[in-house]
Amino acid sequence: MHASMLATIPPTLYLTPQSMDLIHAIMDLQKQGEFAYPTMDAGMHVKVLTNQASLNQVLNVLDQHKVKDIVVTHPAKGAHILYEQ
């Protein structure tokens, strides 16, 4: 999607230098053996998929990059029957 937006006339760019810096920092964590995978939504917001073992290292990188809003989520129970009729 970001490539398509760049191909428009005039080009539209939601990626910011800060977003790219954060993506590179997360990729550096991967090179160090951490379980950390960056992804993005339709805008400039970086998401990081990680596990409990690498969470603190990811949070440290987010803090170093002055990320303001951090939401840590965990897998839920999954699909299940709430009630039967």
N, C-alpha and C. Protein backbone atom coordinates (compact mmCIF):
# COMPACT_ATOMS: atom_id res chain seq x y z
N MET A 1 0.80 -1.18 0.00
CA MET A 1 0.00 0.00 0.00
C MET A 1 0.86 1.26 0.00
N HIS A 2 1.92 1.27 0.81
CA HIS A 2 2.78 2.45 0.84
C HIS A 2 3.43 2.69 -0.52
N ALA A 3 3.80 1.62 -1.22
CA ALA A 3 4.40 1.77 -2.55
C ALA A 3 3.38 2.35 -3.53
N SER A 4 2.13 1.93 -3.44
CA SER A 4 1.09 2.47 -4.32
C SER A 4 0.89 3.96 -4.07
N MET A 5 0.95 4.34 -2.81
CA MET A 5 0.76 5.75 -2.49
C MET A 5 1.91 6.59 -3.02
N LEU A 6 3.11 6.05 -3.01
CA LEU A 6 4.26 6.78 -3.56
C LEU A 6 4.17 6.92 -5.07
N ALA A 7 3.46 6.00 -5.73
CA ALA A 7 3.36 6.01 -7.19
C ALA A 7 2.29 6.98 -7.69
N THR A 8 1.49 7.55 -6.79
CA THR A 8 0.45 8.48 -7.23
C THR A 8 1.07 9.83 -7.61
N ILE A 9 0.30 10.61 -8.33
CA ILE A 9 0.76 11.95 -8.72
C ILE A 9 -0.23 12.96 -8.14
N PRO A 10 0.16 13.77 -7.21
CA PRO A 10 1.45 13.78 -6.52
C PRO A 10 1.53 12.63 -5.51
N PRO A 11 2.73 12.21 -5.16
CA PRO A 11 2.87 11.09 -4.22
C PRO A 11 2.38 11.47 -2.83
N THR A 12 1.85 10.49 -2.14
CA THR A 12 1.41 10.66 -0.76
C THR A 12 2.32 9.80 0.11
N LEU A 13 2.79 10.36 1.18
CA LEU A 13 3.72 9.62 2.03
C LEU A 13 3.32 9.77 3.49
N TYR A 14 2.92 8.66 4.10
CA TYR A 14 2.59 8.66 5.51
C TYR A 14 3.77 8.21 6.37
N LEU A 15 4.70 7.51 5.77
CA LEU A 15 5.88 7.08 6.52
C LEU A 15 6.67 8.31 6.94
N THR A 16 7.10 8.34 8.18
CA THR A 16 7.91 9.45 8.66
C THR A 16 9.33 8.95 8.88
N PRO A 17 10.29 9.85 8.93
CA PRO A 17 11.65 9.42 9.25
C PRO A 17 11.71 8.72 10.61
N GLN A 18 10.89 9.17 11.56
CA GLN A 18 10.88 8.54 12.88
C GLN A 18 10.35 7.10 12.80
N SER A 19 9.34 6.89 11.96
CA SER A 19 8.81 5.53 11.79
C SER A 19 9.88 4.62 11.21
N MET A 20 10.59 5.11 10.21
CA MET A 20 11.63 4.29 9.58
C MET A 20 12.78 4.02 10.56
N ASP A 21 13.15 5.03 11.35
CA ASP A 21 14.20 4.82 12.36
C ASP A 21 13.80 3.73 13.35
N LEU A 22 12.54 3.75 13.77
CA LEU A 22 12.06 2.74 14.71
C LEU A 22 12.06 1.36 14.08
N ILE A 23 11.63 1.26 12.83
CA ILE A 23 11.64 -0.03 12.13
C ILE A 23 13.06 -0.58 12.07
N HIS A 24 14.02 0.27 11.75
CA HIS A 24 15.42 -0.18 11.68
C HIS A 24 15.93 -0.61 13.06
N ALA A 25 15.53 0.09 14.10
CA ALA A 25 15.96 -0.28 15.45
C ALA A 25 15.38 -1.63 15.86
N ILE A 26 14.14 -1.90 15.48
CA ILE A 26 13.53 -3.20 15.78
C ILE A 26 14.23 -4.30 14.98
N MET A 27 14.57 -4.00 13.74
CA MET A 27 15.31 -4.99 12.93
C MET A 27 16.69 -5.26 13.53
N ASP A 28 17.30 -4.25 14.15
CA ASP A 28 18.57 -4.47 14.84
C ASP A 28 18.40 -5.42 16.02
N LEU A 29 17.25 -5.31 16.72
CA LEU A 29 16.97 -6.27 17.79
C LEU A 29 16.91 -7.70 17.26
N GLN A 30 16.30 -7.86 16.08
CA GLN A 30 16.24 -9.19 15.45
C GLN A 30 17.65 -9.74 15.24
N LYS A 31 18.54 -8.89 14.75
CA LYS A 31 19.93 -9.32 14.49
C LYS A 31 20.63 -9.75 15.77
N GLN A 32 20.16 -9.22 16.90
CA GLN A 32 20.73 -9.60 18.20
C GLN A 32 20.06 -10.84 18.78
N GLY A 33 19.13 -11.42 18.01
CA GLY A 33 18.49 -12.65 18.44
C GLY A 33 17.16 -12.48 19.14
N GLU A 34 16.66 -11.25 19.22
CA GLU A 34 15.38 -11.02 19.88
C GLU A 34 14.23 -11.35 18.94
N PHE A 35 13.11 -11.75 19.51
CA PHE A 35 11.89 -12.02 18.76
C PHE A 35 11.13 -10.70 18.67
N ALA A 36 11.37 -9.95 17.60
CA ALA A 36 10.76 -8.63 17.42
C ALA A 36 10.58 -8.37 15.93
N TYR A 37 9.34 -8.19 15.52
CA TYR A 37 9.03 -8.02 14.10
C TYR A 37 8.16 -6.79 13.90
N PRO A 38 8.68 -5.78 13.18
CA PRO A 38 7.90 -4.57 12.95
C PRO A 38 6.89 -4.75 11.82
N THR A 39 5.78 -4.08 11.95
CA THR A 39 4.77 -4.03 10.90
C THR A 39 4.12 -2.65 11.02
N MET A 40 3.27 -2.30 10.08
CA MET A 40 2.64 -0.98 10.10
C MET A 40 1.17 -1.09 9.75
N ASP A 41 0.43 -0.07 10.16
CA ASP A 41 -0.95 0.03 9.73
C ASP A 41 -0.99 0.91 8.47
N ALA A 42 -2.13 1.43 8.13
CA ALA A 42 -2.27 2.20 6.90
C ALA A 42 -1.60 3.57 7.00
N GLY A 43 -1.18 3.97 8.15
CA GLY A 43 -0.55 5.27 8.31
C GLY A 43 0.90 5.14 8.71
N MET A 44 1.28 5.94 9.68
CA MET A 44 2.69 5.98 10.10
C MET A 44 2.96 5.15 11.35
N HIS A 45 1.95 4.46 11.87
CA HIS A 45 2.07 3.79 13.15
C HIS A 45 2.75 2.43 13.04
N VAL A 46 3.82 2.28 13.79
CA VAL A 46 4.59 1.04 13.80
C VAL A 46 4.02 0.12 14.88
N LYS A 47 3.82 -1.12 14.53
CA LYS A 47 3.44 -2.16 15.49
C LYS A 47 4.62 -3.12 15.59
N VAL A 48 4.81 -3.73 16.75
CA VAL A 48 5.89 -4.70 16.92
C VAL A 48 5.30 -5.98 17.47
N LEU A 49 5.49 -7.07 16.75
CA LEU A 49 5.10 -8.39 17.22
C LEU A 49 6.29 -8.96 17.98
N THR A 50 6.05 -9.38 19.21
CA THR A 50 7.13 -9.90 20.03
C THR A 50 6.59 -10.97 20.97
N ASN A 51 7.44 -11.51 21.79
CA ASN A 51 7.01 -12.48 22.81
C ASN A 51 7.41 -11.95 24.18
N GLN A 52 7.02 -12.67 25.22
CA GLN A 52 7.29 -12.22 26.59
C GLN A 52 8.79 -12.11 26.85
N ALA A 53 9.57 -13.02 26.30
CA ALA A 53 11.01 -13.02 26.55
C ALA A 53 11.71 -11.79 25.99
N SER A 54 11.20 -11.23 24.90
CA SER A 54 11.83 -10.06 24.26
C SER A 54 11.11 -8.75 24.57
N LEU A 55 10.03 -8.82 25.34
CA LEU A 55 9.21 -7.64 25.57
C LEU A 55 9.99 -6.48 26.17
N ASN A 56 10.79 -6.72 27.20
CA ASN A 56 11.52 -5.62 27.84
C ASN A 56 12.50 -4.96 26.88
N GLN A 57 13.16 -5.75 26.04
CA GLN A 57 14.09 -5.16 25.08
C GLN A 57 13.34 -4.29 24.07
N VAL A 58 12.17 -4.76 23.63
CA VAL A 58 11.36 -3.98 22.70
C VAL A 58 10.89 -2.69 23.37
N LEU A 59 10.41 -2.79 24.61
CA LEU A 59 9.96 -1.59 25.33
C LEU A 59 11.10 -0.59 25.51
N ASN A 60 12.31 -1.06 25.75
CA ASN A 60 13.46 -0.17 25.87
C ASN A 60 13.71 0.59 24.57
N VAL A 61 13.63 -0.11 23.45
CA VAL A 61 13.83 0.55 22.15
C VAL A 61 12.73 1.58 21.91
N LEU A 62 11.49 1.22 22.23
CA LEU A 62 10.38 2.17 22.06
C LEU A 62 10.61 3.41 22.92
N ASP A 63 11.08 3.20 24.13
CA ASP A 63 11.36 4.32 25.03
C ASP A 63 12.49 5.19 24.49
N GLN A 64 13.55 4.57 23.98
CA GLN A 64 14.67 5.31 23.41
C GLN A 64 14.24 6.17 22.23
N HIS A 65 13.22 5.71 21.51
CA HIS A 65 12.72 6.45 20.34
C HIS A 65 11.56 7.37 20.71
N LYS A 66 11.34 7.55 22.00
CA LYS A 66 10.33 8.48 22.52
C LYS A 66 8.92 8.19 22.01
N VAL A 67 8.60 6.90 21.88
CA VAL A 67 7.24 6.50 21.50
C VAL A 67 6.30 6.87 22.64
N LYS A 68 5.23 7.60 22.33
CA LYS A 68 4.33 8.13 23.37
C LYS A 68 3.28 7.13 23.81
N ASP A 69 2.65 6.47 22.87
CA ASP A 69 1.54 5.56 23.20
C ASP A 69 1.94 4.12 22.92
N ILE A 70 2.07 3.34 23.98
CA ILE A 70 2.44 1.93 23.85
C ILE A 70 1.31 1.10 24.44
N VAL A 71 0.82 0.16 23.66
CA VAL A 71 -0.22 -0.74 24.12
C VAL A 71 0.32 -2.16 24.00
N VAL A 72 0.44 -2.84 25.12
CA VAL A 72 0.91 -4.22 25.14
C VAL A 72 -0.32 -5.12 25.21
N THR A 73 -0.45 -6.02 24.25
CA THR A 73 -1.56 -6.95 24.25
C THR A 73 -1.02 -8.38 24.31
N HIS A 74 -1.90 -9.29 24.62
CA HIS A 74 -1.53 -10.71 24.69
C HIS A 74 -2.62 -11.52 23.99
N PRO A 75 -2.28 -12.73 23.55
CA PRO A 75 -3.32 -13.56 22.94
C PRO A 75 -4.46 -13.81 23.92
N ALA A 76 -5.64 -13.81 23.38
CA ALA A 76 -6.83 -14.08 24.21
C ALA A 76 -7.11 -15.58 24.20
N LYS A 77 -8.21 -15.94 24.84
CA LYS A 77 -8.60 -17.34 24.95
C LYS A 77 -8.86 -17.96 23.57
N GLY A 78 -9.28 -17.16 22.62
CA GLY A 78 -9.61 -17.68 21.30
C GLY A 78 -11.10 -17.87 21.16
N ALA A 79 -11.50 -18.37 20.01
CA ALA A 79 -12.92 -18.57 19.73
C ALA A 79 -13.49 -19.63 20.66
N HIS A 80 -14.66 -19.33 21.23
CA HIS A 80 -15.33 -20.29 22.09
C HIS A 80 -16.83 -19.95 22.15
N ILE A 81 -17.61 -20.90 22.54
CA ILE A 81 -19.05 -20.73 22.62
C ILE A 81 -19.37 -19.97 23.91
N LEU A 82 -20.05 -18.84 23.79
CA LEU A 82 -20.44 -18.05 24.95
C LEU A 82 -21.68 -18.61 25.61
N TYR A 83 -22.60 -19.04 24.81
CA TYR A 83 -23.84 -19.63 25.33
C TYR A 83 -24.45 -20.48 24.24
N GLU A 84 -25.25 -21.42 24.62
CA GLU A 84 -25.93 -22.28 23.65
C GLU A 84 -27.43 -22.01 23.74
N GLN A 85 -28.08 -22.04 22.59
CA GLN A 85 -29.53 -21.81 22.57
C GLN A 85 -30.28 -23.10 22.64
